Amino acid sequence: MNKIGTYFSESYKELVEKVTWPTWSELQQSTVIVLVATLLITVVVGVMDFASHSLLNFLYSFFKH
């Protein structure tokens, strides 16, 4: 039981004293970066999906009866 208490005590001490939390502006900047990266990746995946769909439809058109 003593180990559990020590664990929580040390965890709390680490969160309060050792962790550096970002400032509000740093947090906003990081959020914008994540949103922009997400949008870019979404666009890239969408273009790849459209291209592969078009290519497969083109190839399948050769085998239609």
PDB file of N, CA and C in Angstrom:
ATOM      1  N   MET A   1       0.819  -1.190   0.000  1.00  0.00           N
ATOM      2  CA  MET A   1       0.000   0.000   0.000  1.00  0.00           C
ATOM      3  C   MET A   1       0.863   1.255   0.000  1.00  0.00           C
ATOM      4  N   ASN A   2       2.006   1.165   0.640  1.00  0.00           N
ATOM      5  CA  ASN A   2       2.904   2.314   0.730  1.00  0.00           C
ATOM      6  C   ASN A   2       3.445   2.691  -0.652  1.00  0.00           C
ATOM      7  N   LYS A   3       3.648   1.673  -1.519  1.00  0.00           N
ATOM      8  CA  LYS A   3       4.169   1.948  -2.858  1.00  0.00           C
ATOM      9  C   LYS A   3       3.165   2.740  -3.687  1.00  0.00           C
ATOM     10  N   ILE A   4       1.890   2.441  -3.510  1.00  0.00           N
ATOM     11  CA  ILE A   4       0.857   3.156  -4.261  1.00  0.00           C
ATOM     12  C   ILE A   4       0.819   4.620  -3.828  1.00  0.00           C
ATOM     13  N   GLY A   5       0.883   4.861  -2.536  1.00  0.00           N
ATOM     14  CA  GLY A   5       0.902   6.236  -2.027  1.00  0.00           C
ATOM     15  C   GLY A   5       2.117   6.996  -2.515  1.00  0.00           C
ATOM     16  N   THR A   6       3.266   6.341  -2.511  1.00  0.00           N
ATOM     17  CA  THR A   6       4.495   6.969  -3.010  1.00  0.00           C
ATOM     18  C   THR A   6       4.370   7.300  -4.491  1.00  0.00           C
ATOM     19  N   TYR A   7       3.775   6.368  -5.247  1.00  0.00           N
ATOM     20  CA  TYR A   7       3.597   6.582  -6.682  1.00  0.00           C
ATOM     21  C   TYR A   7       2.757   7.835  -6.940  1.00  0.00           C
ATOM     22  N   PHE A   8       1.603   7.954  -6.268  1.00  0.00           N
ATOM     23  CA  PHE A   8       0.740   9.111  -6.472  1.00  0.00           C
ATOM     24  C   PHE A   8       1.409  10.399  -5.992  1.00  0.00           C
ATOM     25  N   SER A   9       2.130  10.320  -4.902  1.00  0.00           N
ATOM     26  CA  SER A   9       2.820  11.491  -4.375  1.00  0.00           C
ATOM     27  C   SER A   9       3.889  11.979  -5.348  1.00  0.00           C
ATOM     28  N   GLU A  10       4.679  11.050  -5.872  1.00  0.00           N
ATOM     29  CA  GLU A  10       5.737  11.419  -6.813  1.00  0.00           C
ATOM     30  C   GLU A  10       5.149  11.887  -8.147  1.00  0.00           C
ATOM     31  N   SER A  11       4.054  11.259  -8.576  1.00  0.00           N
ATOM     32  CA  SER A  11       3.405  11.683  -9.825  1.00  0.00           C
ATOM     33  C   SER A  11       2.893  13.108  -9.703  1.00  0.00           C
ATOM     34  N   TYR A  12       2.252  13.428  -8.593  1.00  0.00           N
ATOM     35  CA  TYR A  12       1.745  14.771  -8.372  1.00  0.00           C
ATOM     36  C   TYR A  12       2.902  15.776  -8.335  1.00  0.00           C
ATOM     37  N   LYS A  13       3.965  15.418  -7.637  1.00  0.00           N
ATOM     38  CA  LYS A  13       5.123  16.307  -7.531  1.00  0.00           C
ATOM     39  C   LYS A  13       5.731  16.564  -8.913  1.00  0.00           C
ATOM     40  N   GLU A  14       5.793  15.526  -9.739  1.00  0.00           N
ATOM     41  CA  GLU A  14       6.344  15.691 -11.087  1.00  0.00           C
ATOM     42  C   GLU A  14       5.452  16.601 -11.927  1.00  0.00           C
ATOM     43  N   LEU A  15       4.141  16.417 -11.845  1.00  0.00           N
ATOM     44  CA  LEU A  15       3.219  17.247 -12.619  1.00  0.00           C
ATOM     45  C   LEU A  15       3.271  18.718 -12.199  1.00  0.00           C
ATOM     46  N   VAL A  16       3.447  18.963 -10.911  1.00  0.00           N
ATOM     47  CA  VAL A  16       3.421  20.328 -10.403  1.00  0.00           C
ATOM     48  C   VAL A  16       4.771  21.031 -10.559  1.00  0.00           C
ATOM     49  N   GLU A  17       5.860  20.312 -10.316  1.00  0.00           N
ATOM     50  CA  GLU A  17       7.170  20.957 -10.249  1.00  0.00           C
ATOM     51  C   GLU A  17       8.061  20.749 -11.470  1.00  0.00           C
ATOM     52  N   LYS A  18       7.955  19.597 -12.136  1.00  0.00           N
ATOM     53  CA  LYS A  18       8.921  19.284 -13.181  1.00  0.00           C
ATOM     54  C   LYS A  18       8.397  19.475 -14.603  1.00  0.00           C
ATOM     55  N   VAL A  19       7.109  19.357 -14.788  1.00  0.00           N
ATOM     56  CA  VAL A  19       6.539  19.478 -16.131  1.00  0.00           C
ATOM     57  C   VAL A  19       6.430  20.944 -16.507  1.00  0.00           C
ATOM     58  N   THR A  20       6.859  21.261 -17.749  1.00  0.00           N
ATOM     59  CA  THR A  20       6.674  22.620 -18.240  1.00  0.00           C
ATOM     60  C   THR A  20       5.462  22.625 -19.147  1.00  0.00           C
ATOM     61  N   TRP A  21       4.447  23.364 -18.743  1.00  0.00           N
ATOM     62  CA  TRP A  21       3.219  23.442 -19.513  1.00  0.00           C
ATOM     63  C   TRP A  21       3.348  24.549 -20.533  1.00  0.00           C
ATOM     64  N   PRO A  22       2.785  24.364 -21.732  1.00  0.00           N
ATOM     65  CA  PRO A  22       2.890  25.417 -22.753  1.00  0.00           C
ATOM     66  C   PRO A  22       2.064  26.640 -22.375  1.00  0.00           C
ATOM     67  N   THR A  23       2.506  27.768 -22.873  1.00  0.00           N
ATOM     68  CA  THR A  23       1.729  28.991 -22.670  1.00  0.00           C
ATOM     69  C   THR A  23       0.523  28.944 -23.603  1.00  0.00           C
ATOM     70  N   TRP A  24      -0.415  29.885 -23.396  1.00  0.00           N
ATOM     71  CA  TRP A  24      -1.625  29.910 -24.213  1.00  0.00           C
ATOM     72  C   TRP A  24      -1.283  30.134 -25.694  1.00  0.00           C
ATOM     73  N   SER A  25      -0.327  31.016 -25.971  1.00  0.00           N
ATOM     74  CA  SER A  25       0.033  31.279 -27.370  1.00  0.00           C
ATOM     75  C   SER A  25       0.738  30.071 -27.997  1.00  0.00           C
ATOM     76  N   GLU A  26       1.570  29.388 -27.243  1.00  0.00           N
ATOM     77  CA  GLU A  26       2.213  28.172 -27.750  1.00  0.00           C
ATOM     78  C   GLU A  26       1.176  27.093 -28.045  1.00  0.00           C
ATOM     79  N   LEU A  27       0.199  26.985 -27.187  1.00  0.00           N
ATOM     80  CA  LEU A  27      -0.865  26.004 -27.381  1.00  0.00           C
ATOM     81  C   LEU A  27      -1.680  26.323 -28.629  1.00  0.00           C
ATOM     82  N   GLN A  28      -2.000  27.593 -28.836  1.00  0.00           N
ATOM     83  CA  GLN A  28      -2.740  28.004 -30.028  1.00  0.00           C
ATOM     84  C   GLN A  28      -1.929  27.740 -31.297  1.00  0.00           C
ATOM     85  N   GLN A  29      -0.646  28.040 -31.246  1.00  0.00           N
ATOM     86  CA  GLN A  29       0.219  27.822 -32.402  1.00  0.00           C
ATOM     87  C   GLN A  29       0.292  26.335 -32.739  1.00  0.00           C
ATOM     88  N   SER A  30       0.450  25.497 -31.729  1.00  0.00           N
ATOM     89  CA  SER A  30       0.502  24.057 -31.959  1.00  0.00           C
ATOM     90  C   SER A  30      -0.814  23.542 -32.531  1.00  0.00           C
ATOM     91  N   THR A  31      -1.916  24.080 -32.050  1.00  0.00           N
ATOM     92  CA  THR A  31      -3.220  23.665 -32.545  1.00  0.00           C
ATOM     93  C   THR A  31      -3.386  24.023 -34.013  1.00  0.00           C
ATOM     94  N   VAL A  32      -2.960  25.212 -34.397  1.00  0.00           N
ATOM     95  CA  VAL A  32      -3.051  25.629 -35.800  1.00  0.00           C
ATOM     96  C   VAL A  32      -2.185  24.727 -36.670  1.00  0.00           C
ATOM     97  N   ILE A  33      -0.997  24.396 -36.208  1.00  0.00           N
ATOM     98  CA  ILE A  33      -0.106  23.519 -36.971  1.00  0.00           C
ATOM     99  C   ILE A  33      -0.753  22.152 -37.174  1.00  0.00           C
ATOM    100  N   VAL A  34      -1.357  21.608 -36.134  1.00  0.00           N
ATOM    101  CA  VAL A  34      -2.009  20.299 -36.240  1.00  0.00           C
ATOM    102  C   VAL A  34      -3.193  20.374 -37.201  1.00  0.00           C
ATOM    103  N   LEU A  35      -3.990  21.439 -37.127  1.00  0.00           N
ATOM    104  CA  LEU A  35      -5.131  21.579 -38.030  1.00  0.00           C
ATOM    105  C   LEU A  35      -4.694  21.698 -39.486  1.00  0.00           C
ATOM    106  N   VAL A  36      -3.666  22.488 -39.749  1.00  0.00           N
ATOM    107  CA  VAL A  36      -3.170  22.652 -41.118  1.00  0.00           C
ATOM    108  C   VAL A  36      -2.616  21.324 -41.637  1.00  0.00           C
ATOM    109  N   ALA A  37      -1.844  20.626 -40.820  1.00  0.00           N
ATOM    110  CA  ALA A  37      -1.292  19.330 -41.236  1.00  0.00           C
ATOM    111  C   ALA A  37      -2.416  18.335 -41.512  1.00  0.00           C
ATOM    112  N   THR A  38      -3.447  18.338 -40.671  1.00  0.00           N
ATOM    113  CA  THR A  38      -4.582  17.435 -40.872  1.00  0.00           C
ATOM    114  C   THR A  38      -5.288  17.737 -42.186  1.00  0.00           C
ATOM    115  N   LEU A  39      -5.497  19.021 -42.475  1.00  0.00           N
ATOM    116  CA  LEU A  39      -6.143  19.393 -43.737  1.00  0.00           C
ATOM    117  C   LEU A  39      -5.298  18.991 -44.946  1.00  0.00           C
ATOM    118  N   LEU A  40      -3.991  19.205 -44.864  1.00  0.00           N
ATOM    119  CA  LEU A  40      -3.107  18.823 -45.971  1.00  0.00           C
ATOM    120  C   LEU A  40      -3.122  17.318 -46.202  1.00  0.00           C
ATOM    121  N   ILE A  41      -3.039  16.559 -45.148  1.00  0.00           N
ATOM    122  CA  ILE A  41      -3.057  15.100 -45.278  1.00  0.00           C
ATOM    123  C   ILE A  41      -4.398  14.634 -45.835  1.00  0.00           C
ATOM    124  N   THR A  42      -5.486  15.273 -45.405  1.00  0.00           N
ATOM    125  CA  THR A  42      -6.812  14.935 -45.917  1.00  0.00           C
ATOM    126  C   THR A  42      -6.890  15.185 -47.420  1.00  0.00           C
ATOM    127  N   VAL A  43      -6.369  16.314 -47.859  1.00  0.00           N
ATOM    128  CA  VAL A  43      -6.376  16.635 -49.289  1.00  0.00           C
ATOM    129  C   VAL A  43      -5.534  15.629 -50.072  1.00  0.00           C
ATOM    130  N   VAL A  44      -4.355  15.305 -49.566  1.00  0.00           N
ATOM    131  CA  VAL A  44      -3.473  14.346 -50.255  1.00  0.00           C
ATOM    132  C   VAL A  44      -4.161  12.985 -50.364  1.00  0.00           C
ATOM    133  N   VAL A  45      -4.759  12.503 -49.291  1.00  0.00           N
ATOM    134  CA  VAL A  45      -5.437  11.212 -49.323  1.00  0.00           C
ATOM    135  C   VAL A  45      -6.642  11.268 -50.268  1.00  0.00           C
ATOM    136  N   GLY A  46      -7.368  12.376 -50.270  1.00  0.00           N
ATOM    137  CA  GLY A  46      -8.496  12.525 -51.182  1.00  0.00           C
ATOM    138  C   GLY A  46      -8.068  12.486 -52.640  1.00  0.00           C
ATOM    139  N   VAL A  47      -6.978  13.178 -52.963  1.00  0.00           N
ATOM    140  CA  VAL A  47      -6.466  13.173 -54.336  1.00  0.00           C
ATOM    141  C   VAL A  47      -6.005  11.766 -54.725  1.00  0.00           C
ATOM    142  N   MET A  48      -5.320  11.085 -53.816  1.00  0.00           N
ATOM    143  CA  MET A  48      -4.880   9.719 -54.099  1.00  0.00           C
ATOM    144  C   MET A  48      -6.082   8.792 -54.306  1.00  0.00           C
ATOM    145  N   ASP A  49      -7.113   8.957 -53.509  1.00  0.00           N
ATOM    146  CA  ASP A  49      -8.320   8.144 -53.647  1.00  0.00           C
ATOM    147  C   ASP A  49      -8.988   8.396 -54.992  1.00  0.00           C
ATOM    148  N   PHE A  50      -9.127   9.670 -55.353  1.00  0.00           N
ATOM    149  CA  PHE A  50      -9.742  10.015 -56.634  1.00  0.00           C
ATOM    150  C   PHE A  50      -8.914   9.451 -57.795  1.00  0.00           C
ATOM    151  N   ALA A  51      -7.587   9.596 -57.725  1.00  0.00           N
ATOM    152  CA  ALA A  51      -6.710   9.119 -58.797  1.00  0.00           C
ATOM    153  C   ALA A  51      -6.789   7.601 -58.938  1.00  0.00           C
ATOM    154  N   SER A  52      -6.746   6.892 -57.827  1.00  0.00           N
ATOM    155  CA  SER A  52      -6.810   5.431 -57.912  1.00  0.00           C
ATOM    156  C   SER A  52      -8.182   4.970 -58.402  1.00  0.00           C
ATOM    157  N   HIS A  53      -9.240   5.651 -57.981  1.00  0.00           N
ATOM    158  CA  HIS A  53     -10.582   5.313 -58.443  1.00  0.00           C
ATOM    159  C   HIS A  53     -10.688   5.521 -59.961  1.00  0.00           C
ATOM    160  N   SER A  54     -10.172   6.643 -60.445  1.00  0.00           N
ATOM    161  CA  SER A  54     -10.212   6.924 -61.879  1.00  0.00           C
ATOM    162  C   SER A  54      -9.383   5.921 -62.670  1.00  0.00           C
ATOM    163  N   LEU A  55      -8.209   5.606 -62.173  1.00  0.00           N
ATOM    164  CA  LEU A  55      -7.343   4.646 -62.853  1.00  0.00           C
ATOM    165  C   LEU A  55      -7.986   3.269 -62.906  1.00  0.00           C
ATOM    166  N   LEU A  56      -8.550   2.827 -61.813  1.00  0.00           N
ATOM    167  CA  LEU A  56      -9.191   1.510 -61.803  1.00  0.00           C
ATOM    168  C   LEU A  56     -10.415   1.479 -62.716  1.00  0.00           C
ATOM    169  N   ASN A  57     -11.213   2.540 -62.727  1.00  0.00           N
ATOM    170  CA  ASN A  57     -12.352   2.590 -63.649  1.00  0.00           C
ATOM    171  C   ASN A  57     -11.876   2.539 -65.101  1.00  0.00           C
ATOM    172  N   PHE A  58     -10.777   3.231 -65.402  1.00  0.00           N
ATOM    173  CA  PHE A  58     -10.217   3.196 -66.750  1.00  0.00           C
ATOM    174  C   PHE A  58      -9.769   1.779 -67.117  1.00  0.00           C
ATOM    175  N   LEU A  59      -9.074   1.117 -66.203  1.00  0.00           N
ATOM    176  CA  LEU A  59      -8.610  -0.248 -66.471  1.00  0.00           C
ATOM    177  C   LEU A  59      -9.780  -1.231 -66.585  1.00  0.00           C
ATOM    178  N   TYR A  60     -10.773  -1.088 -65.741  1.00  0.00           N
ATOM    179  CA  TYR A  60     -11.930  -1.981 -65.780  1.00  0.00           C
ATOM    180  C   TYR A  60     -12.741  -1.791 -67.058  1.00  0.00           C
ATOM    181  N   SER A  61     -12.671  -0.598 -67.650  1.00  0.00           N
ATOM    182  CA  SER A  61     -13.441  -0.354 -68.874  1.00  0.00           C
ATOM    183  C   SER A  61     -12.960  -1.227 -70.031  1.00  0.00           C
ATOM    184  N   PHE A  62     -11.725  -1.679 -69.975  1.00  0.00           N
ATOM    185  CA  PHE A  62     -11.202  -2.563 -71.017  1.00  0.00           C
ATOM    186  C   PHE A  62     -11.801  -3.965 -70.934  1.00  0.00           C
ATOM    187  N   PHE A  63     -12.295  -4.353 -69.771  1.00  0.00           N
ATOM    188  CA  PHE A  63     -12.770  -5.713 -69.574  1.00  0.00           C
ATOM    189  C   PHE A  63     -14.289  -5.822 -69.527  1.00  0.00           C
ATOM    190  N   LYS A  64     -14.981  -4.735 -69.845  1.00  0.00           N
ATOM    191  CA  LYS A  64     -16.436  -4.782 -69.901  1.00  0.00           C
ATOM    192  C   LYS A  64     -16.888  -5.563 -71.112  1.00  0.00           C
ATOM    193  N   HIS A  65     -18.009  -6.185 -70.994  1.00  0.00           N
ATOM    194  CA  HIS A  65     -18.534  -6.945 -72.140  1.00  0.00           C
ATOM    195  C   HIS A  65     -19.443  -6.105 -72.936  1.00  0.00           C
TER     196      HIS A  65
END
